[in-house]
Amino acid sequence: MTPPIGLLAILAGAVAGAGLFLLLVALRGLPPRPPGEPGRLRRWMREVGAARAAAAVLAGLVVLVATGWLVAGVGAALLVLSWRGMSGVAGERAAMARLEALATWTESLRDTIAGAVGLEQAIPASLRAAAPSLREPLTAMDLCDRCSAQAYVRVILPAGELLFCAHHSRQHADALAKACAAGRARAAT
């Protein structure tokens, strides 16, 4: 007994799509994960919790029994799992966490500079203790906004994000420090 040709075509398309996806991931690379830090899936499962996972399975089974459609059951389960993320609350929380981390890092930078260390040495020293939300790694695809060289420094301002290569970050270090301090003063008022 041979399977219908339509199912073989769907399977071939899925295999080709998965292959292209894996090729793209291999070419682009994945950001490095600090040792001891859980992966995205584990962190997401911890955030979701067992109660919501059980509710998702229950909702999926109820919809599956009521409609008899497997796709509707899976869709209902996924909807219950991702409901909180669709409301925009997660993005708002992440933005607040980044803002608080930036304020903490700016204070740390100020204290490091006050210890008679120059700005050029203070920024890398204070970044080692920065919150993880500020330490998202830059990839080779991230380019300097001034000269399109590979970016090594990311500056997050209220108006947006700036990327700088090594020589432009050194060239504009004083202005960037003043802008961060001014942004911190504006946020405090």
C-alpha atoms as a PDB file:
ATOM      1  CA  MET A   1       0.000   0.000   0.000  1.00  0.00           C
ATOM      2  CA  THR A   2       1.510   3.317  -1.074  1.00  0.00           C
ATOM      3  CA  PRO A   3       0.754   6.596   0.666  1.00  0.00           C
ATOM      4  CA  PRO A   4      -1.137   9.229  -1.315  1.00  0.00           C
ATOM      5  CA  ILE A   5       1.051  11.493  -3.433  1.00  0.00           C
ATOM      6  CA  GLY A   6      -0.308  14.602  -1.662  1.00  0.00           C
ATOM      7  CA  LEU A   7       1.042  13.481   1.708  1.00  0.00           C
ATOM      8  CA  LEU A   8       4.443  12.786   0.160  1.00  0.00           C
ATOM      9  CA  ALA A   9       4.474  16.279  -1.343  1.00  0.00           C
ATOM     10  CA  ILE A  10       3.630  17.845   2.028  1.00  0.00           C
ATOM     11  CA  LEU A  11       6.322  15.777   3.741  1.00  0.00           C
ATOM     12  CA  ALA A  12       8.905  16.738   1.091  1.00  0.00           C
ATOM     13  CA  GLY A  13       8.009  20.413   1.486  1.00  0.00           C
ATOM     14  CA  ALA A  14       8.335  20.195   5.267  1.00  0.00           C
ATOM     15  CA  VAL A  15      11.742  18.507   5.006  1.00  0.00           C
ATOM     16  CA  ALA A  16      12.956  21.122   2.486  1.00  0.00           C
ATOM     17  CA  GLY A  17      11.685  23.971   4.693  1.00  0.00           C
ATOM     18  CA  ALA A  18      13.371  22.502   7.780  1.00  0.00           C
ATOM     19  CA  GLY A  19      16.602  22.144   5.815  1.00  0.00           C
ATOM     20  CA  LEU A  20      16.502  25.793   4.727  1.00  0.00           C
ATOM     21  CA  PHE A  21      15.792  26.882   8.290  1.00  0.00           C
ATOM     22  CA  LEU A  22      18.740  24.889   9.642  1.00  0.00           C
ATOM     23  CA  LEU A  23      20.986  26.283   6.895  1.00  0.00           C
ATOM     24  CA  LEU A  24      19.985  29.825   7.851  1.00  0.00           C
ATOM     25  CA  VAL A  25      20.658  29.126  11.542  1.00  0.00           C
ATOM     26  CA  ALA A  26      24.047  27.605  10.678  1.00  0.00           C
ATOM     27  CA  LEU A  27      25.036  30.618   8.571  1.00  0.00           C
ATOM     28  CA  ARG A  28      23.768  33.255  10.993  1.00  0.00           C
ATOM     29  CA  GLY A  29      24.810  31.476  14.171  1.00  0.00           C
ATOM     30  CA  LEU A  30      23.245  31.544  17.584  1.00  0.00           C
ATOM     31  CA  PRO A  31      24.153  34.071  20.286  1.00  0.00           C
ATOM     32  CA  PRO A  32      26.430  32.639  22.962  1.00  0.00           C
ATOM     33  CA  ARG A  33      24.785  31.778  26.237  1.00  0.00           C
ATOM     34  CA  PRO A  34      26.664  32.484  29.476  1.00  0.00           C
ATOM     35  CA  PRO A  35      27.464  29.288  31.412  1.00  0.00           C
ATOM     36  CA  GLY A  36      24.941  28.407  34.063  1.00  0.00           C
ATOM     37  CA  GLU A  37      22.168  30.490  32.462  1.00  0.00           C
ATOM     38  CA  PRO A  38      19.113  28.437  31.425  1.00  0.00           C
ATOM     39  CA  GLY A  39      18.073  28.315  27.787  1.00  0.00           C
ATOM     40  CA  ARG A  40      15.059  30.124  26.355  1.00  0.00           C
ATOM     41  CA  LEU A  41      12.836  27.033  26.466  1.00  0.00           C
ATOM     42  CA  ARG A  42      13.614  26.298  30.122  1.00  0.00           C
ATOM     43  CA  ARG A  43      13.177  29.961  31.077  1.00  0.00           C
ATOM     44  CA  TRP A  44       9.871  30.083  29.170  1.00  0.00           C
ATOM     45  CA  MET A  45       8.624  26.882  30.839  1.00  0.00           C
ATOM     46  CA  ARG A  46       9.529  28.330  34.246  1.00  0.00           C
ATOM     47  CA  GLU A  47       7.587  31.507  33.419  1.00  0.00           C
ATOM     48  CA  VAL A  48       4.601  29.593  32.058  1.00  0.00           C
ATOM     49  CA  GLY A  49       4.361  27.281  35.052  1.00  0.00           C
ATOM     50  CA  ALA A  50       2.687  23.937  35.463  1.00  0.00           C
ATOM     51  CA  ALA A  51      -0.787  25.377  36.078  1.00  0.00           C
ATOM     52  CA  ARG A  52      -0.974  27.181  32.747  1.00  0.00           C
ATOM     53  CA  ALA A  53       0.515  24.188  30.924  1.00  0.00           C
ATOM     54  CA  ALA A  54      -2.170  21.957  32.460  1.00  0.00           C
ATOM     55  CA  ALA A  55      -4.864  24.487  31.524  1.00  0.00           C
ATOM     56  CA  ALA A  56      -3.538  24.525  27.942  1.00  0.00           C
ATOM     57  CA  VAL A  57      -3.676  20.733  27.682  1.00  0.00           C
ATOM     58  CA  LEU A  58      -7.183  20.706  29.153  1.00  0.00           C
ATOM     59  CA  ALA A  59      -8.393  23.443  26.775  1.00  0.00           C
ATOM     60  CA  GLY A  60      -6.857  21.603  23.835  1.00  0.00           C
ATOM     61  CA  LEU A  61      -8.593  18.353  24.808  1.00  0.00           C
ATOM     62  CA  VAL A  62     -11.955  20.063  25.328  1.00  0.00           C
ATOM     63  CA  VAL A  63     -11.776  21.727  21.896  1.00  0.00           C
ATOM     64  CA  LEU A  64     -10.588  18.472  20.295  1.00  0.00           C
ATOM     65  CA  VAL A  65     -13.492  16.497  21.783  1.00  0.00           C
ATOM     66  CA  ALA A  66     -16.040  19.221  20.998  1.00  0.00           C
ATOM     67  CA  THR A  67     -15.013  19.782  17.373  1.00  0.00           C
ATOM     68  CA  GLY A  68     -13.156  16.630  16.448  1.00  0.00           C
ATOM     69  CA  TRP A  69     -10.477  18.776  14.777  1.00  0.00           C
ATOM     70  CA  LEU A  70      -6.917  18.099  15.830  1.00  0.00           C
ATOM     71  CA  VAL A  71      -5.717  21.463  14.498  1.00  0.00           C
ATOM     72  CA  ALA A  72      -8.342  23.331  16.539  1.00  0.00           C
ATOM     73  CA  GLY A  73      -7.284  21.470  19.698  1.00  0.00           C
ATOM     74  CA  VAL A  74      -3.614  22.271  19.147  1.00  0.00           C
ATOM     75  CA  GLY A  75      -4.514  25.883  18.338  1.00  0.00           C
ATOM     76  CA  ALA A  76      -6.531  26.235  21.549  1.00  0.00           C
ATOM     77  CA  ALA A  77      -3.656  24.820  23.603  1.00  0.00           C
ATOM     78  CA  LEU A  78      -1.178  27.215  21.979  1.00  0.00           C
ATOM     79  CA  LEU A  79      -3.562  30.120  22.525  1.00  0.00           C
ATOM     80  CA  VAL A  80      -3.794  29.384  26.247  1.00  0.00           C
ATOM     81  CA  LEU A  81       0.015  29.042  26.502  1.00  0.00           C
ATOM     82  CA  SER A  82       0.748  32.311  24.714  1.00  0.00           C
ATOM     83  CA  TRP A  83      -2.149  34.444  25.918  1.00  0.00           C
ATOM     84  CA  ARG A  84      -0.073  36.557  28.305  1.00  0.00           C
ATOM     85  CA  GLY A  85       2.556  37.253  25.635  1.00  0.00           C
ATOM     86  CA  MET A  86      -0.051  38.494  23.146  1.00  0.00           C
ATOM     87  CA  SER A  87      -1.310  41.205  25.476  1.00  0.00           C
ATOM     88  CA  GLY A  88       1.921  43.212  25.296  1.00  0.00           C
ATOM     89  CA  VAL A  89       2.600  42.976  29.021  1.00  0.00           C
ATOM     90  CA  ALA A  90       5.775  40.954  28.453  1.00  0.00           C
ATOM     91  CA  GLY A  91       7.250  43.623  26.168  1.00  0.00           C
ATOM     92  CA  GLU A  92       6.393  46.323  28.667  1.00  0.00           C
ATOM     93  CA  ARG A  93       8.039  44.370  31.489  1.00  0.00           C
ATOM     94  CA  ALA A  94      11.164  43.819  29.382  1.00  0.00           C
ATOM     95  CA  ALA A  95      11.357  47.541  28.573  1.00  0.00           C
ATOM     96  CA  MET A  96      11.054  48.443  32.259  1.00  0.00           C
ATOM     97  CA  ALA A  97      13.707  45.873  33.189  1.00  0.00           C
ATOM     98  CA  ARG A  98      16.067  47.330  30.572  1.00  0.00           C
ATOM     99  CA  LEU A  99      15.429  50.868  31.829  1.00  0.00           C
ATOM    100  CA  GLU A 100      16.095  49.885  35.443  1.00  0.00           C
ATOM    101  CA  ALA A 101      19.213  47.964  34.405  1.00  0.00           C
ATOM    102  CA  LEU A 102      20.437  50.977  32.428  1.00  0.00           C
ATOM    103  CA  ALA A 103      19.917  53.231  35.454  1.00  0.00           C
ATOM    104  CA  THR A 104      21.833  50.815  37.663  1.00  0.00           C
ATOM    105  CA  TRP A 105      24.640  50.509  35.123  1.00  0.00           C
ATOM    106  CA  THR A 106      24.880  54.312  34.761  1.00  0.00           C
ATOM    107  CA  GLU A 107      25.248  54.638  38.540  1.00  0.00           C
ATOM    108  CA  SER A 108      27.901  51.907  38.502  1.00  0.00           C
ATOM    109  CA  LEU A 109      29.727  53.729  35.706  1.00  0.00           C
ATOM    110  CA  ARG A 110      29.595  56.975  37.685  1.00  0.00           C
ATOM    111  CA  ASP A 111      31.004  55.266  40.775  1.00  0.00           C
ATOM    112  CA  THR A 112      33.759  53.601  38.744  1.00  0.00           C
ATOM    113  CA  ILE A 113      34.760  56.912  37.166  1.00  0.00           C
ATOM    114  CA  ALA A 114      34.737  58.542  40.613  1.00  0.00           C
ATOM    115  CA  GLY A 115      37.415  56.026  41.635  1.00  0.00           C
ATOM    116  CA  ALA A 116      39.918  57.903  39.399  1.00  0.00           C
ATOM    117  CA  VAL A 117      39.520  55.555  36.458  1.00  0.00           C
ATOM    118  CA  GLY A 118      39.163  56.996  32.968  1.00  0.00           C
ATOM    119  CA  LEU A 119      35.990  56.517  30.960  1.00  0.00           C
ATOM    120  CA  GLU A 120      37.724  54.242  28.481  1.00  0.00           C
ATOM    121  CA  GLN A 121      38.560  51.755  31.263  1.00  0.00           C
ATOM    122  CA  ALA A 122      35.359  52.320  33.250  1.00  0.00           C
ATOM    123  CA  ILE A 123      32.897  51.246  30.545  1.00  0.00           C
ATOM    124  CA  PRO A 124      34.261  47.709  30.020  1.00  0.00           C
ATOM    125  CA  ALA A 125      34.805  47.282  33.769  1.00  0.00           C
ATOM    126  CA  SER A 126      31.235  48.247  34.623  1.00  0.00           C
ATOM    127  CA  LEU A 127      29.751  46.191  31.781  1.00  0.00           C
ATOM    128  CA  ARG A 128      31.003  42.981  33.372  1.00  0.00           C
ATOM    129  CA  ALA A 129      28.609  43.573  36.270  1.00  0.00           C
ATOM    130  CA  ALA A 130      25.746  44.876  34.106  1.00  0.00           C
ATOM    131  CA  ALA A 131      22.360  43.179  34.077  1.00  0.00           C
ATOM    132  CA  PRO A 132      21.847  40.463  31.434  1.00  0.00           C
ATOM    133  CA  SER A 133      19.246  42.586  29.633  1.00  0.00           C
ATOM    134  CA  LEU A 134      22.020  45.079  28.802  1.00  0.00           C
ATOM    135  CA  ARG A 135      24.500  42.435  27.696  1.00  0.00           C
ATOM    136  CA  GLU A 136      22.758  41.051  24.608  1.00  0.00           C
ATOM    137  CA  PRO A 137      25.628  40.076  22.358  1.00  0.00           C
ATOM    138  CA  LEU A 138      26.295  41.895  19.120  1.00  0.00           C
ATOM    139  CA  THR A 139      26.809  39.685  16.088  1.00  0.00           C
ATOM    140  CA  ALA A 140      28.885  40.150  12.964  1.00  0.00           C
ATOM    141  CA  MET A 141      25.674  41.309  11.263  1.00  0.00           C
ATOM    142  CA  ASP A 142      25.468  44.378  13.544  1.00  0.00           C
ATOM    143  CA  LEU A 143      27.172  47.328  11.835  1.00  0.00           C
ATOM    144  CA  CYS A 144      28.339  50.737  13.038  1.00  0.00           C
ATOM    145  CA  ASP A 145      25.824  53.492  12.291  1.00  0.00           C
ATOM    146  CA  ARG A 146      28.637  55.854  11.270  1.00  0.00           C
ATOM    147  CA  CYS A 147      30.932  53.817   8.990  1.00  0.00           C
ATOM    148  CA  SER A 148      29.301  50.352   8.566  1.00  0.00           C
ATOM    149  CA  ALA A 149      32.209  48.514  10.213  1.00  0.00           C
ATOM    150  CA  GLN A 150      31.407  45.708  12.651  1.00  0.00           C
ATOM    151  CA  ALA A 151      29.727  47.142  15.757  1.00  0.00           C
ATOM    152  CA  TYR A 152      31.135  46.423  19.207  1.00  0.00           C
ATOM    153  CA  VAL A 153      29.189  48.956  21.308  1.00  0.00           C
ATOM    154  CA  ARG A 154      25.408  49.339  21.611  1.00  0.00           C
ATOM    155  CA  VAL A 155      24.004  52.551  23.107  1.00  0.00           C
ATOM    156  CA  ILE A 156      20.326  52.622  23.998  1.00  0.00           C
ATOM    157  CA  LEU A 157      18.816  56.090  24.122  1.00  0.00           C
ATOM    158  CA  PRO A 158      15.177  57.184  24.519  1.00  0.00           C
ATOM    159  CA  ALA A 159      15.052  57.998  20.801  1.00  0.00           C
ATOM    160  CA  GLY A 160      16.414  54.596  19.764  1.00  0.00           C
ATOM    161  CA  GLU A 161      19.491  52.447  19.593  1.00  0.00           C
ATOM    162  CA  LEU A 162      22.940  53.372  18.258  1.00  0.00           C
ATOM    163  CA  LEU A 163      25.664  50.930  17.244  1.00  0.00           C
ATOM    164  CA  PHE A 164      29.329  51.940  17.146  1.00  0.00           C
ATOM    165  CA  CYS A 165      32.525  50.297  15.992  1.00  0.00           C
ATOM    166  CA  ALA A 166      35.560  50.434  18.281  1.00  0.00           C
ATOM    167  CA  HIS A 167      37.071  53.664  16.978  1.00  0.00           C
ATOM    168  CA  HIS A 168      33.775  55.594  16.848  1.00  0.00           C
ATOM    169  CA  SER A 169      32.850  54.464  20.368  1.00  0.00           C
ATOM    170  CA  ARG A 170      36.177  55.834  21.632  1.00  0.00           C
ATOM    171  CA  GLN A 171      35.717  59.015  19.594  1.00  0.00           C
ATOM    172  CA  HIS A 172      32.230  59.694  21.002  1.00  0.00           C
ATOM    173  CA  ALA A 173      32.667  58.224  24.511  1.00  0.00           C
ATOM    174  CA  ASP A 174      32.393  61.553  26.334  1.00  0.00           C
ATOM    175  CA  ALA A 175      29.255  62.609  24.453  1.00  0.00           C
ATOM    176  CA  LEU A 176      27.676  59.192  25.053  1.00  0.00           C
ATOM    177  CA  ALA A 177      28.395  59.366  28.774  1.00  0.00           C
ATOM    178  CA  LYS A 178      26.809  62.835  28.936  1.00  0.00           C
ATOM    179  CA  ALA A 179      23.761  61.608  26.997  1.00  0.00           C
ATOM    180  CA  CYS A 180      23.343  58.656  29.387  1.00  0.00           C
ATOM    181  CA  ALA A 181      23.665  60.943  32.396  1.00  0.00           C
ATOM    182  CA  ALA A 182      21.171  63.407  30.913  1.00  0.00           C
ATOM    183  CA  GLY A 183      18.747  60.558  30.183  1.00  0.00           C
ATOM    184  CA  ARG A 184      19.108  59.321  33.757  1.00  0.00           C
ATOM    185  CA  ALA A 185      18.442  62.830  35.113  1.00  0.00           C
ATOM    186  CA  ARG A 186      15.388  63.165  32.842  1.00  0.00           C
ATOM    187  CA  ALA A 187      14.064  59.768  33.989  1.00  0.00           C
ATOM    188  CA  ALA A 188      14.461  60.771  37.635  1.00  0.00           C
ATOM    189  CA  THR A 189      12.274  63.861  37.224  1.00  0.00           C
END
